[in-house]
Structures are given as structure tokens and as C-alpha cells.
């Protein structure tokens, strides 16, 4: 509901909506000419956003082939010949910032950063982003995360991902890559801050095998200590 805006010349109508849905922004007709000057009506638009229609067409071909396939979901994904390319967020800054602003369901902190704050993060923190392709087309940059040293491993402090690649083993592939590349004891930690919208990623983390390990003043710490080599199951080829 927080993506909706109501423009109405009736104070009663605006008040009725605001009383039930306070997250909906309301404006009088007098605001109309100025709306496009507001930051919330002028989001960053990347080249990937402009090509979204092509992504939807590719996704419709995926769905059609999956629905007509007798393969299990993992075998179908294998047949898609998926590849993940690990990228430098400094070179994909606009798209990564767009993901931070737009991702809600697959966002472990719910935090939104303005451009200057995000620039500081990219310049000063360990971070990666990733692109996913398959035989149907290019999903583009679909995820971004930050991590820092923690015990003999690392802890992921920000993680956002496009829901377009959810349930396609992309989460498993990136976590497997992080464990293999940056940990000493095959453990991985995540700082998770629950919001009213990120239950999908929370459920996915527990499904993968993360477990609660510690309460924090802000959020909780989840730990994965299972067989990371079996996370991806070889479904996605990771190229760094």
C-alpha cells in the first residue's frame, strides 16, 4: 500500500483513505503540477528498468516452458543453463541503489539509503552484486549484499534481491559463493531485521538451513553451518 498515492479535491475523501491506510500518500488537486518534482515521484530509472518489458517477455517464455515440462523444479532449472556473474557494485551503482530502494520482500534489513549514504556504503564496505542469465535471456543485476568479518567467517549486513529470481536457487548460489570465497569454517552469518514486508526472505533463509543464534538490540543473528556445497546443487554456474 505504501506505493500508492491518492489525488483528490475532497478533504473528506483524502481523510477517509488516510484514516484506514496511513501509508498511502494523499495530495490535493493543487499539488498536481508539483508532483513530478518530488523525489518519491522521480525514482532512479536505469537502463535495466527501461528494458523491463523484454524481461517480462523472457519470463513468460520461462513460465510456458516450465508449465509444459515434466521435469522436477531443480531439473528444469538445470535445463535453463543459468549463470551468475559476480560484479563490482561501484560499476553498477545506479542499479544496486535501485534495488535497495525497491526491494522489500527480499531485503534482510528493510533499510533504504539515499544516494549519498549508499555511495558511502559502496566505497567503504565489503560488498558484491550479481547478474543472472539463462537460455531465455538476461535478468540483469538482481542482487546486492554487504558483509564484514565475523568470528572465523563473515556476517551479511545488507542483502537485497529482485523477487523475479526468487525460488530459482539464486539465494543458494550467492550464499554458497560467499561461504567458499570468504569464510574459514564454512559458516555464514546474517544480521536480520524483521519488517512487516520481508517475511519471504526470512522464510527462505530458514528453508535453506539458517538457524537463530543470537538476539541483538536491532534484529537477530542467523547462522548457517550446513553443507554449503549442496546449497546450489550445481544448478547455477557462478563466475567471479
Protein backbone atom coordinates (compact mmCIF):
# COMPACT_ATOMS: atom_id res chain seq x y z
CA UNK A 1 0.00 0.00 0.00
CA UNK A 2 2.91 2.39 0.51
CA UNK A 3 3.39 2.56 -3.27
CA UNK A 4 0.00 4.24 -3.77
CA UNK A 5 -0.80 7.94 -3.95
CA UNK A 6 -4.26 9.49 -3.99
CA UNK A 7 -5.00 12.86 -5.59
CA UNK A 8 -8.44 14.19 -4.68
CA UNK A 9 -10.03 17.59 -4.33
CA UNK A 10 -12.16 16.37 -1.41
CA UNK A 11 -10.68 16.73 2.05
CA UNK A 12 -13.22 14.15 3.27
CA UNK A 13 -12.10 11.54 0.70
CA UNK A 14 -8.43 12.12 1.47
CA UNK A 15 -9.09 11.87 5.20
CA UNK A 16 -11.11 8.67 4.79
CA UNK A 17 -8.25 6.97 2.94
CA UNK A 18 -5.58 8.25 5.33
CA UNK A 19 -7.51 7.02 8.37
CA UNK A 20 -7.57 3.45 7.01
CA UNK A 21 -4.29 3.38 5.07
CA UNK A 22 -1.90 5.93 6.62
CA UNK A 23 0.93 4.69 4.37
CA UNK A 24 -0.91 5.93 1.26
CA UNK A 25 0.22 9.42 0.36
CA UNK A 26 -2.61 11.88 -0.32
CA UNK A 27 -2.49 15.14 -2.23
CA UNK A 28 -4.90 17.90 -3.14
CA UNK A 29 -5.53 18.84 -6.76
CA UNK A 30 -3.42 21.93 -6.08
CA UNK A 31 -0.33 19.69 -5.74
CA UNK A 32 -0.64 18.13 -9.20
CA UNK A 33 1.72 20.41 -11.11
CA UNK A 34 4.44 19.97 -8.50
CA UNK A 35 4.25 16.18 -8.04
CA UNK A 36 6.89 15.28 -10.60
CA UNK A 37 9.38 17.47 -8.75
CA UNK A 38 9.06 15.33 -5.62
CA UNK A 39 11.75 12.65 -5.02
CA UNK A 40 9.15 9.91 -4.49
CA UNK A 41 7.71 10.60 -7.95
CA UNK A 42 11.14 10.70 -9.60
CA UNK A 43 12.84 7.37 -8.86
CA UNK A 44 16.14 6.41 -10.41
CA UNK A 45 15.49 4.80 -13.79
CA UNK A 46 18.31 2.60 -15.04
CA UNK A 47 18.80 1.03 -18.46
CA UNK A 48 17.70 -2.24 -16.90
CA UNK A 49 14.41 -0.65 -15.82
CA UNK A 50 13.84 0.68 -19.34
CA UNK A 51 14.22 -2.86 -20.70
CA UNK A 52 11.82 -4.38 -18.19
CA UNK A 53 9.30 -5.26 -20.90
CA UNK A 54 11.88 -7.57 -22.53
CA UNK A 55 12.46 -9.20 -19.14
CA UNK A 56 8.74 -9.84 -18.76
CA UNK A 57 8.59 -11.44 -22.23
CA UNK A 58 11.53 -13.71 -21.37
CA UNK A 59 9.86 -14.64 -18.07
CA UNK A 60 6.65 -15.54 -19.88
CA UNK A 61 8.65 -17.96 -22.07
CA UNK A 62 10.21 -19.49 -18.96
CA UNK A 63 6.83 -19.99 -17.34
CA UNK A 64 5.36 -21.51 -20.50
CA UNK A 65 8.22 -23.99 -20.84
CA UNK A 66 8.12 -24.85 -17.12
CA UNK A 67 4.36 -25.45 -17.21
CA UNK A 68 4.78 -27.78 -20.20
CA UNK A 69 7.70 -29.64 -18.65
CA UNK A 70 7.51 -32.91 -16.73
CA UNK A 71 10.87 -32.22 -15.05
CA UNK A 72 11.25 -31.54 -11.33
CA UNK A 73 11.88 -27.89 -10.46
CA UNK A 74 15.62 -28.48 -9.94
CA UNK A 75 15.96 -30.40 -13.21
CA UNK A 76 14.02 -27.71 -15.02
CA UNK A 77 16.34 -25.06 -13.61
CA UNK A 78 19.32 -27.14 -14.73
CA UNK A 79 17.86 -27.20 -18.23
CA UNK A 80 17.73 -23.40 -18.18
CA UNK A 81 21.57 -23.27 -18.09
CA UNK A 82 21.68 -20.49 -15.51
CA UNK A 83 24.83 -18.45 -14.91
CA UNK A 84 25.61 -15.96 -12.16
CA UNK A 85 28.25 -13.26 -12.70
CA UNK A 86 29.74 -11.62 -9.62
CA UNK A 87 30.09 -7.88 -10.24
CA UNK A 88 31.62 -4.80 -8.63
CA UNK A 89 28.84 -2.56 -7.19
CA UNK A 90 30.92 0.55 -7.91
CA UNK A 91 30.47 -0.17 -11.60
CA UNK A 92 26.76 -0.97 -11.19
CA UNK A 93 25.99 1.77 -8.70
CA UNK A 94 22.66 3.03 -10.09
CA UNK A 95 21.15 -0.43 -10.45
CA UNK A 96 22.31 -1.52 -6.98
CA UNK A 97 20.87 1.63 -5.45
CA UNK A 98 17.63 0.99 -7.34
CA UNK A 99 17.48 -2.49 -5.80
CA UNK A 100 17.97 -1.05 -2.32
CA UNK A 101 15.12 1.41 -2.85
CA UNK A 102 12.70 -1.04 -4.48
CA UNK A 103 13.31 -4.34 -2.71
CA UNK A 104 11.07 -5.05 0.25
CA UNK A 105 10.21 -8.75 0.38
CA UNK A 106 13.80 -9.85 -0.23
CA UNK A 107 15.53 -7.30 1.98
CA UNK A 108 17.05 -8.53 5.26
CA UNK A 109 17.06 -5.11 6.93
CA UNK A 110 14.35 -3.08 5.23
CA UNK A 111 16.75 -0.15 5.19
CA UNK A 112 16.60 2.44 2.42
CA UNK A 113 19.62 4.61 1.74
CA UNK A 114 19.72 7.87 -0.15
CA UNK A 115 22.28 8.19 -2.91
CA UNK A 116 24.96 9.78 -0.73
CA UNK A 117 24.53 7.18 2.04
CA UNK A 118 24.69 4.37 -0.48
CA UNK A 119 27.79 5.86 -2.09
CA UNK A 120 29.48 5.77 1.33
CA UNK A 121 28.50 2.11 1.77
CA UNK A 122 29.82 1.08 -1.63
CA UNK A 123 33.08 2.98 -1.10
CA UNK A 124 33.78 1.76 2.43
CA UNK A 125 32.23 -1.68 2.92
CA UNK A 126 32.86 -5.13 1.53
CA UNK A 127 30.08 -5.64 -1.00
CA UNK A 128 29.18 -7.56 -4.13
CA UNK A 129 26.35 -7.60 -6.62
CA UNK A 130 25.36 -10.27 -9.09
CA UNK A 131 23.88 -10.68 -12.54
CA UNK A 132 21.91 -13.75 -13.64
CA UNK A 133 21.41 -15.05 -17.17
CA UNK A 134 19.86 -18.19 -18.63
CA UNK A 135 18.99 -19.57 -22.06
CA UNK A 136 15.92 -17.35 -22.21
CA UNK A 137 17.72 -14.06 -21.60
CA UNK A 138 19.44 -11.77 -19.13
CA UNK A 139 17.82 -10.94 -15.79
CA UNK A 140 20.41 -8.19 -15.32
CA UNK A 141 21.76 -7.18 -11.91
CA UNK A 142 19.36 -8.84 -9.47
CA UNK A 143 21.08 -8.66 -6.08
CA UNK A 144 23.38 -6.72 -3.78
CA UNK A 145 24.88 -7.50 -0.38
CA UNK A 146 27.38 -6.15 2.13
CA UNK A 147 29.41 -8.25 4.53
CA UNK A 148 32.05 -7.83 7.21
CA UNK A 149 34.41 -10.11 9.15
CA UNK A 150 32.72 -12.01 11.97
CA UNK A 151 34.37 -14.74 14.07
CA UNK A 152 36.12 -17.04 11.56
CA UNK A 153 33.59 -16.15 8.93
CA UNK A 154 31.63 -13.15 7.67
CA UNK A 155 28.25 -11.70 8.52
CA UNK A 156 25.96 -10.31 5.82
CA UNK A 157 24.56 -6.98 6.99
CA UNK A 158 22.61 -5.91 3.91
CA UNK A 159 21.05 -8.20 1.34
CA UNK A 160 18.53 -7.25 -1.32
CA UNK A 161 17.37 -9.27 -4.29
CA UNK A 162 14.81 -8.90 -7.04
CA UNK A 163 11.81 -11.16 -6.48
CA UNK A 164 11.97 -12.04 -10.21
CA UNK A 165 14.68 -14.60 -9.43
CA UNK A 166 13.22 -15.90 -6.17
CA UNK A 167 12.83 -19.68 -5.86
CA UNK A 168 15.35 -20.27 -8.63
CA UNK A 169 18.29 -21.26 -6.40
CA UNK A 170 19.81 -17.79 -6.77
CA UNK A 171 19.89 -17.27 -3.00
CA UNK A 172 21.60 -20.61 -2.52
CA UNK A 173 24.14 -19.85 -5.23
CA UNK A 174 25.22 -16.49 -3.83
CA UNK A 175 25.45 -17.79 -0.25
CA UNK A 176 27.50 -20.77 -1.45
CA UNK A 177 29.83 -18.36 -3.27
CA UNK A 178 30.27 -16.16 -0.18
CA UNK A 179 30.99 -19.17 2.06
CA UNK A 180 33.51 -20.65 -0.35
CA UNK A 181 35.24 -17.34 -1.03
CA UNK A 182 35.34 -15.56 2.32
CA UNK A 183 34.93 -17.98 5.24
CA UNK A 184 37.37 -20.28 7.02
CA UNK A 185 35.00 -22.70 8.75
CA UNK A 186 32.15 -23.00 6.21
CA UNK A 187 29.83 -20.97 8.44
CA UNK A 188 27.91 -17.90 7.37
CA UNK A 189 26.03 -15.36 9.48
CA UNK A 190 23.25 -12.94 8.61
CA UNK A 191 22.02 -9.95 10.58
CA UNK A 192 18.26 -9.99 10.06
CA UNK A 193 15.91 -7.15 10.98
CA UNK A 194 12.26 -8.09 10.62
CA UNK A 195 9.87 -5.69 8.89
CA UNK A 196 6.21 -6.03 8.02
CA UNK A 197 7.19 -6.90 4.44
CA UNK A 198 10.28 -9.13 4.48
CA UNK A 199 8.78 -12.42 5.68
CA UNK A 200 9.51 -14.08 2.27
CA UNK A 201 13.29 -13.78 2.70
CA UNK A 202 13.05 -14.83 6.35
CA UNK A 203 11.17 -17.99 5.36
CA UNK A 204 13.68 -18.67 2.60
CA UNK A 205 16.64 -18.35 4.97
CA UNK A 206 15.17 -20.91 7.36
CA UNK A 207 14.31 -23.17 4.42
CA UNK A 208 17.94 -23.03 3.25
CA UNK A 209 19.16 -24.04 6.70
CA UNK A 210 19.92 -20.85 8.61
CA UNK A 211 19.14 -21.01 12.33
CA UNK A 212 18.62 -18.43 15.02
CA UNK A 213 21.72 -17.94 17.14
CA UNK A 214 21.60 -14.56 18.90
CA UNK A 215 19.35 -11.62 19.77
CA UNK A 216 20.57 -8.10 19.07
CA UNK A 217 19.24 -4.73 20.14
CA UNK A 218 18.25 -4.36 16.49
CA UNK A 219 17.31 -7.70 14.95
CA UNK A 220 18.77 -11.18 15.29
CA UNK A 221 21.76 -13.16 14.02
CA UNK A 222 21.15 -16.23 11.89
CA UNK A 223 23.83 -18.86 11.28
CA UNK A 224 24.33 -21.40 8.51
CA UNK A 225 26.69 -24.26 9.27
CA UNK A 226 25.47 -26.97 6.92
CA UNK A 227 26.81 -28.45 3.70
CA UNK A 228 27.30 -25.33 1.60
CA UNK A 229 28.42 -27.36 -1.41
CA UNK A 230 24.92 -28.84 -1.57
CA UNK A 231 23.22 -25.44 -1.42
CA UNK A 232 23.45 -24.64 -5.11
CA UNK A 233 23.38 -28.30 -6.28
CA UNK A 234 25.30 -27.24 -9.36
CA UNK A 235 22.19 -25.60 -10.78
CA UNK A 236 23.78 -22.18 -11.30
CA UNK A 237 27.28 -21.71 -12.64
CA UNK A 238 28.93 -18.93 -10.64
CA UNK A 239 31.53 -16.84 -12.49
CA UNK A 240 33.60 -14.33 -10.48
